[in-house]
Amino acid sequence: MPLKTRRSRSLFGLLFVCAAIALALAACSSAASAPAPAQGNPGINTGAGVAGDKGVPVAAATAAPAALPGAPGATGAPLLNDHSLIIKTGQLTLQVSNVEGSTAQANGIVTGNGGYIAGSSRGGDGDKLSVSATYRIPVARWDATLDAIHHASGGGTISIVDEQIQTQDVTAAAADLDARLTNLRASEQALLGIMARATTIADTLAVQEQLTTVRGQIEELQAQRNTMGDQASYSTLTVQFQAVPKTETTTAASGWNLGSTVDDATASLVKIGQALASLAVWVLIVGGPLAVLLLIGAGLYRLLRRIRRGKGGTPATSV
């Protein structure tokens, strides 16, 4: 058997074994849903140059590409205290008399401690004004920053309405990602070694396909690992600044006016006087004639009774 044929069969045997390894790694590296990466990784050129026709040596295609982000030698997200990775988040609701001043003071506290403002929103006005701010705070400065925000009154009054702090230990998940990244990088190096011995375009393309798959998995897992490190290095705090609502006494006093009340009372008295005067007019104009008619009617009635008694022989009694 020619030497070139034996080398080709040996190479395809290595390719078959390598493909099986890559497929196994791909199956075990399908991660559960993880937080979307906060920062994207630079794109990686996974292609390799191909020159010449089939059967022609392609030495240019065997050159190893540049190192990947997160490849051996690249630094991953740090573990706190070299053994733990804790993600801390918090929600804080403050009721303040000076919303604008308190918000500005809290912003200065966060930036002064090495953090930054990740986002903010506002709504309403006056005693309905509300401002929400999301802060990213270095984990080492979390307690000091949170305590300072508790006193960010902006020169007015402040009270804590609600506060919730959550912590999540992701050390095990980070260690699992690190182990899977190590295995995938080892598979990548094996594929690069096989590519270096490829002598035809077909062999190179077969290895390149596997190499692209492995590198895609490395990028995905590295993004998840970087997100964990970012969330653990900078804790997230969302603060809601609410204006102090007006009390019932203040609201009632602000809606009362002495002059207006006097005017309303005077107007009511005038209306009552007008009603009484109208009643008197009706009594004089309508009631007078009616009273006269009633008196006339009563006199006629008594006269008729006397006449009837006289005809019946009953002596009339003097009244």
Protein backbone atom coordinates (compact mmCIF):
# COMPACT_ATOMS: atom_id res chain seq x y z
CA MET A 1 0.00 0.00 0.00
CA PRO A 2 1.41 3.45 -0.93
CA LEU A 3 2.71 5.53 1.94
CA LYS A 4 0.45 8.49 1.06
CA THR A 5 -2.67 6.25 1.25
CA ARG A 6 -1.67 4.90 4.68
CA ARG A 7 -1.06 8.47 5.95
CA SER A 8 -4.45 9.57 4.61
CA ARG A 9 -6.28 6.69 6.35
CA SER A 10 -4.44 7.40 9.57
CA LEU A 11 -5.38 11.08 9.34
CA PHE A 12 -9.05 10.28 8.72
CA GLY A 13 -8.99 7.93 11.70
CA LEU A 14 -7.70 10.76 13.88
CA LEU A 15 -10.36 13.03 12.46
CA PHE A 16 -13.09 10.51 13.35
CA VAL A 17 -11.86 10.19 16.94
CA CYS A 18 -11.53 13.97 17.28
CA ALA A 19 -15.05 14.52 15.93
CA ALA A 20 -16.45 12.06 18.47
CA ILE A 21 -14.63 13.89 21.28
CA ALA A 22 -15.91 17.28 20.09
CA LEU A 23 -19.51 16.02 19.87
CA ALA A 24 -19.30 14.61 23.38
CA LEU A 25 -17.95 17.90 24.71
CA ALA A 26 -20.70 19.78 22.88
CA ALA A 27 -23.36 17.59 24.52
CA CYS A 28 -22.02 18.06 28.03
CA SER A 29 -21.33 21.78 27.61
CA SER A 30 -24.93 22.79 26.82
CA ALA A 31 -25.43 25.08 29.79
CA ALA A 32 -28.64 25.86 31.59
CA SER A 33 -29.99 29.36 31.03
CA ALA A 34 -27.55 31.92 32.38
CA PRO A 35 -27.69 35.74 32.69
CA ALA A 36 -27.16 37.57 29.44
CA PRO A 37 -23.59 38.85 29.20
CA ALA A 38 -23.20 42.41 30.42
CA GLN A 39 -20.34 43.07 28.02
CA GLY A 40 -19.78 41.40 24.71
CA ASN A 41 -16.53 39.69 23.86
CA PRO A 42 -14.58 40.76 20.81
CA GLY A 43 -15.23 38.68 17.74
CA ILE A 44 -12.82 35.80 17.11
CA ASN A 45 -11.67 34.88 13.67
CA THR A 46 -12.04 31.10 13.58
CA GLY A 47 -11.37 30.73 9.89
CA ALA A 48 -8.13 29.39 8.43
CA GLY A 49 -6.71 30.20 5.04
CA VAL A 50 -6.94 27.56 2.30
CA ALA A 51 -4.71 27.63 -0.76
CA GLY A 52 -4.22 25.46 -3.80
CA ASP A 53 -6.32 22.68 -5.33
CA LYS A 54 -7.32 19.35 -3.80
CA GLY A 55 -4.28 17.23 -3.14
CA VAL A 56 -1.92 20.20 -3.06
CA PRO A 57 -0.14 20.91 0.28
CA VAL A 58 -1.65 23.85 2.11
CA ALA A 59 1.00 24.94 4.56
CA ALA A 60 -0.59 28.38 4.90
CA ALA A 61 -3.77 26.83 6.31
CA THR A 62 -1.95 25.11 9.17
CA ALA A 63 -0.94 28.29 10.96
CA ALA A 64 -2.53 28.49 14.46
CA PRO A 65 -4.88 31.46 14.95
CA ALA A 66 -4.52 34.14 17.59
CA ALA A 67 -5.28 33.18 21.19
CA LEU A 68 -8.93 33.36 22.26
CA PRO A 69 -10.12 35.62 25.07
CA GLY A 70 -10.17 33.29 28.02
CA ALA A 71 -7.68 30.90 26.43
CA PRO A 72 -4.81 29.70 28.63
CA GLY A 73 -3.01 32.79 29.78
CA ALA A 74 -6.12 35.03 29.70
CA THR A 75 -7.54 36.12 33.03
CA GLY A 76 -11.08 35.09 33.95
CA ALA A 77 -13.48 36.72 36.42
CA PRO A 78 -11.92 36.73 39.90
CA LEU A 79 -13.19 34.67 42.81
CA LEU A 80 -13.79 36.61 46.02
CA ASN A 81 -11.27 35.61 48.69
CA ASP A 82 -9.89 33.15 46.10
CA HIS A 83 -12.60 30.61 46.91
CA SER A 84 -16.06 32.20 46.76
CA LEU A 85 -18.17 34.14 44.27
CA ILE A 86 -21.15 36.01 45.75
CA ILE A 87 -23.71 38.03 43.78
CA LYS A 88 -25.43 40.66 45.93
CA THR A 89 -28.47 42.74 44.93
CA GLY A 90 -30.69 45.11 46.88
CA GLN A 91 -33.84 47.26 46.65
CA LEU A 92 -34.27 50.35 48.83
CA THR A 93 -37.27 52.70 49.07
CA LEU A 94 -36.73 56.10 50.71
CA GLN A 95 -39.28 58.79 51.54
CA VAL A 96 -37.62 62.20 51.38
CA SER A 97 -38.71 65.83 51.54
CA ASN A 98 -36.20 66.85 48.83
CA VAL A 99 -36.25 64.27 46.06
CA GLU A 100 -33.87 66.11 43.74
CA GLY A 101 -31.36 66.85 46.50
CA SER A 102 -31.43 63.29 47.89
CA THR A 103 -30.95 61.79 44.42
CA ALA A 104 -27.98 64.03 43.68
CA GLN A 105 -26.42 63.24 47.06
CA ALA A 106 -26.84 59.48 46.56
CA ASN A 107 -25.31 59.73 43.07
CA GLY A 108 -22.27 61.46 44.56
CA ILE A 109 -21.95 58.80 47.29
CA VAL A 110 -21.95 55.96 44.75
CA THR A 111 -19.46 57.53 42.35
CA GLY A 112 -17.26 58.57 45.26
CA ASN A 113 -17.03 54.93 46.31
CA GLY A 114 -15.97 53.74 42.87
CA GLY A 115 -19.43 52.78 41.58
CA TYR A 116 -21.52 54.13 38.75
CA ILE A 117 -25.15 54.83 37.79
CA ALA A 118 -26.47 52.01 35.58
CA GLY A 119 -29.86 53.63 34.90
CA SER A 120 -32.55 55.95 36.25
CA SER A 121 -36.17 56.98 35.73
CA ARG A 122 -38.58 59.56 37.16
CA GLY A 123 -42.29 60.32 37.20
CA GLY A 124 -44.85 62.70 38.68
CA ASP A 125 -44.16 66.11 40.19
CA GLY A 126 -44.61 68.03 43.42
CA ASP A 127 -45.65 65.75 46.28
CA LYS A 128 -46.09 62.95 43.69
CA LEU A 129 -42.50 63.09 42.39
CA SER A 130 -40.64 59.77 42.35
CA VAL A 131 -37.10 59.00 41.10
CA SER A 132 -35.66 55.49 40.68
CA ALA A 133 -31.90 54.92 40.27
CA THR A 134 -29.95 51.69 39.73
CA TYR A 135 -26.40 51.71 41.06
CA ARG A 136 -23.46 49.33 40.52
CA ILE A 137 -21.31 49.36 43.64
CA PRO A 138 -17.91 47.66 44.19
CA VAL A 139 -18.52 44.71 46.48
CA ALA A 140 -15.80 45.86 48.88
CA ARG A 141 -17.60 49.21 49.33
CA TRP A 142 -21.16 47.85 49.53
CA ASP A 143 -21.78 48.26 53.27
CA ALA A 144 -20.25 51.75 53.51
CA THR A 145 -22.13 52.96 50.43
CA LEU A 146 -25.46 51.54 51.60
CA ASP A 147 -25.07 53.14 55.04
CA ALA A 148 -24.27 56.52 53.48
CA ILE A 149 -27.32 56.35 51.19
CA HIS A 150 -29.47 55.75 54.28
CA HIS A 151 -28.57 59.32 55.31
CA ALA A 152 -28.83 60.98 51.88
CA SER A 153 -31.52 63.45 52.96
CA GLY A 154 -30.51 66.19 50.53
CA GLY A 155 -30.78 68.75 53.32
CA GLY A 156 -34.32 67.70 54.30
CA THR A 157 -35.95 64.77 56.01
CA ILE A 158 -35.53 61.09 55.12
CA SER A 159 -37.09 57.82 56.22
CA ILE A 160 -36.63 54.21 55.06
CA VAL A 161 -39.88 52.74 53.76
CA ASP A 162 -38.58 49.35 52.61
CA GLU A 163 -35.24 47.60 52.20
CA GLN A 164 -34.48 44.16 50.77
CA ILE A 165 -31.03 42.61 50.26
CA GLN A 166 -30.43 39.32 48.44
CA THR A 167 -27.22 37.29 48.10
CA GLN A 168 -26.53 34.37 45.78
CA ASP A 169 -23.51 32.08 46.02
CA VAL A 170 -22.47 31.11 42.47
CA THR A 171 -19.09 29.64 43.39
CA ALA A 172 -20.08 26.11 42.33
CA ALA A 173 -21.55 27.32 39.04
CA ALA A 174 -18.41 29.34 38.29
CA ALA A 175 -16.17 26.34 39.07
CA ASP A 176 -18.28 24.19 36.73
CA LEU A 177 -17.90 26.75 33.94
CA ASP A 178 -14.15 26.90 34.53
CA ALA A 179 -13.85 23.09 34.26
CA ARG A 180 -15.87 22.96 31.06
CA LEU A 181 -13.82 25.80 29.57
CA THR A 182 -10.63 23.91 30.40
CA ASN A 183 -11.92 20.78 28.61
CA LEU A 184 -13.03 22.75 25.57
CA ARG A 185 -9.68 24.53 25.30
CA ALA A 186 -7.91 21.17 25.48
CA SER A 187 -10.11 19.93 22.64
CA GLU A 188 -9.28 23.12 20.72
CA GLN A 189 -5.54 22.49 21.07
CA ALA A 190 -6.00 18.89 19.88
CA LEU A 191 -7.86 20.09 16.80
CA LEU A 192 -5.14 22.64 16.09
CA GLY A 193 -2.56 19.84 16.23
CA ILE A 194 -4.53 17.76 13.74
CA MET A 195 -4.92 20.77 11.45
CA ALA A 196 -1.18 21.26 11.49
CA ARG A 197 -0.76 17.76 9.99
CA ALA A 198 -3.51 18.12 7.38
CA THR A 199 -2.27 17.89 3.80
CA THR A 200 -5.45 18.47 1.75
CA ILE A 201 -8.25 21.02 1.61
CA ALA A 202 -10.86 18.35 2.52
CA ASP A 203 -8.95 17.40 5.68
CA THR A 204 -8.48 21.05 6.64
CA LEU A 205 -12.18 21.89 6.18
CA ALA A 206 -13.24 18.87 8.26
CA VAL A 207 -11.03 19.97 11.16
CA GLN A 208 -12.03 23.61 10.71
CA GLU A 209 -15.72 22.74 11.13
CA GLN A 210 -15.06 21.01 14.46
CA LEU A 211 -12.77 23.83 15.57
CA THR A 212 -15.45 26.45 14.85
CA THR A 213 -18.00 24.54 16.95
CA VAL A 214 -15.63 24.23 19.89
CA ARG A 215 -14.68 27.90 19.74
CA GLY A 216 -18.35 28.93 19.69
CA GLN A 217 -18.92 26.93 22.87
CA ILE A 218 -15.87 28.53 24.46
CA GLU A 219 -17.14 32.03 23.66
CA GLU A 220 -20.61 31.25 25.09
CA LEU A 221 -19.32 29.79 28.34
CA GLN A 222 -16.70 32.52 28.72
CA ALA A 223 -19.41 35.18 28.38
CA GLN A 224 -21.44 33.50 31.14
CA ARG A 225 -18.34 33.29 33.32
CA ASN A 226 -17.50 36.95 32.74
CA THR A 227 -21.08 37.96 33.64
CA MET A 228 -20.85 36.08 36.93
CA GLY A 229 -17.59 37.80 37.73
CA ASP A 230 -19.00 41.23 36.84
CA GLN A 231 -22.13 40.75 38.96
CA ALA A 232 -20.02 39.58 41.90
CA SER A 233 -17.46 42.36 41.56
CA TYR A 234 -20.12 45.11 41.30
CA SER A 235 -23.26 44.60 43.39
CA THR A 236 -26.54 46.07 42.14
CA LEU A 237 -28.67 48.42 44.26
CA THR A 238 -31.96 49.96 43.09
CA VAL A 239 -33.10 52.99 45.11
CA GLN A 240 -36.58 54.56 44.91
CA PHE A 241 -36.78 58.19 46.10
CA GLN A 242 -40.35 59.21 46.93
CA ALA A 243 -41.62 62.64 47.98
CA VAL A 244 -43.17 62.93 51.44
CA PRO A 245 -46.98 63.10 50.95
CA LYS A 246 -48.89 66.03 52.45
CA THR A 247 -50.75 65.28 55.71
CA GLU A 248 -54.54 65.57 55.97
CA THR A 249 -54.25 68.67 58.22
CA THR A 250 -52.00 70.42 55.72
CA THR A 251 -54.29 69.51 52.86
CA ALA A 252 -57.38 70.76 54.71
CA ALA A 253 -55.70 74.01 55.76
CA SER A 254 -54.40 74.67 52.28
CA GLY A 255 -57.95 74.39 50.89
CA TRP A 256 -59.61 76.80 53.41
CA ASN A 257 -59.97 80.58 52.95
CA LEU A 258 -61.59 82.88 55.55
CA GLY A 259 -62.77 85.49 53.06
CA SER A 260 -64.32 82.88 50.84
CA THR A 261 -66.06 81.29 53.83
CA VAL A 262 -67.51 84.69 54.92
CA ASP A 263 -68.73 85.32 51.38
CA ASP A 264 -70.39 81.89 51.25
CA ALA A 265 -72.12 82.45 54.65
CA THR A 266 -73.32 85.94 53.63
CA ALA A 267 -74.66 84.59 50.36
CA SER A 268 -76.55 81.87 52.23
CA LEU A 269 -78.06 84.43 54.63
CA VAL A 270 -79.16 86.63 51.74
CA LYS A 271 -80.77 83.65 50.07
CA ILE A 272 -82.66 82.82 53.29
CA GLY A 273 -83.85 86.46 53.59
CA GLN A 274 -84.94 86.41 49.97
CA ALA A 275 -86.89 83.23 50.56
CA LEU A 276 -88.66 84.70 53.61
CA ALA A 277 -89.48 87.91 51.75
CA SER A 278 -90.87 85.90 48.85
CA LEU A 279 -93.04 83.94 51.30
CA ALA A 280 -94.39 87.15 52.85
CA VAL A 281 -95.28 88.53 49.43
CA TRP A 282 -97.16 85.33 48.59
CA VAL A 283 -99.02 85.48 51.92
CA LEU A 284 -100.07 89.11 51.41
CA ILE A 285 -101.05 88.80 47.79
CA VAL A 286 -102.54 85.33 47.75
CA GLY A 287 -103.35 84.68 51.40
CA GLY A 288 -105.25 87.97 52.03
CA PRO A 289 -108.02 87.43 49.47
CA LEU A 290 -108.31 83.81 50.47
CA ALA A 291 -108.78 84.81 54.13
CA VAL A 292 -111.54 87.28 53.17
CA LEU A 293 -113.32 84.61 51.15
CA LEU A 294 -113.07 82.17 54.03
CA LEU A 295 -114.60 84.72 56.45
CA ILE A 296 -117.46 85.42 54.05
CA GLY A 297 -118.11 81.74 53.63
CA ALA A 298 -118.14 81.17 57.40
CA GLY A 299 -120.69 84.02 57.89
CA LEU A 300 -123.04 82.67 55.24
CA TYR A 301 -122.90 79.23 56.77
CA ARG A 302 -123.95 80.53 60.21
CA LEU A 303 -126.74 82.56 58.65
CA LEU A 304 -128.15 79.54 56.86
CA ARG A 305 -128.18 77.54 60.07
CA ARG A 306 -130.18 80.18 61.87
CA ILE A 307 -132.75 80.33 59.09
CA ARG A 308 -133.25 76.55 59.15
CA ARG A 309 -133.73 76.50 62.91
CA GLY A 310 -136.36 79.29 62.73
CA LYS A 311 -138.51 77.40 60.23
CA GLY A 312 -138.50 74.30 62.36
CA GLY A 313 -140.00 76.02 65.42
CA THR A 314 -136.87 75.85 67.35
CA PRO A 315 -136.30 79.11 69.08
CA ALA A 316 -133.18 80.68 67.99
CA THR A 317 -130.58 81.00 70.68
CA SER A 318 -128.72 84.14 71.03
CA VAL A 319 -125.12 83.98 70.36
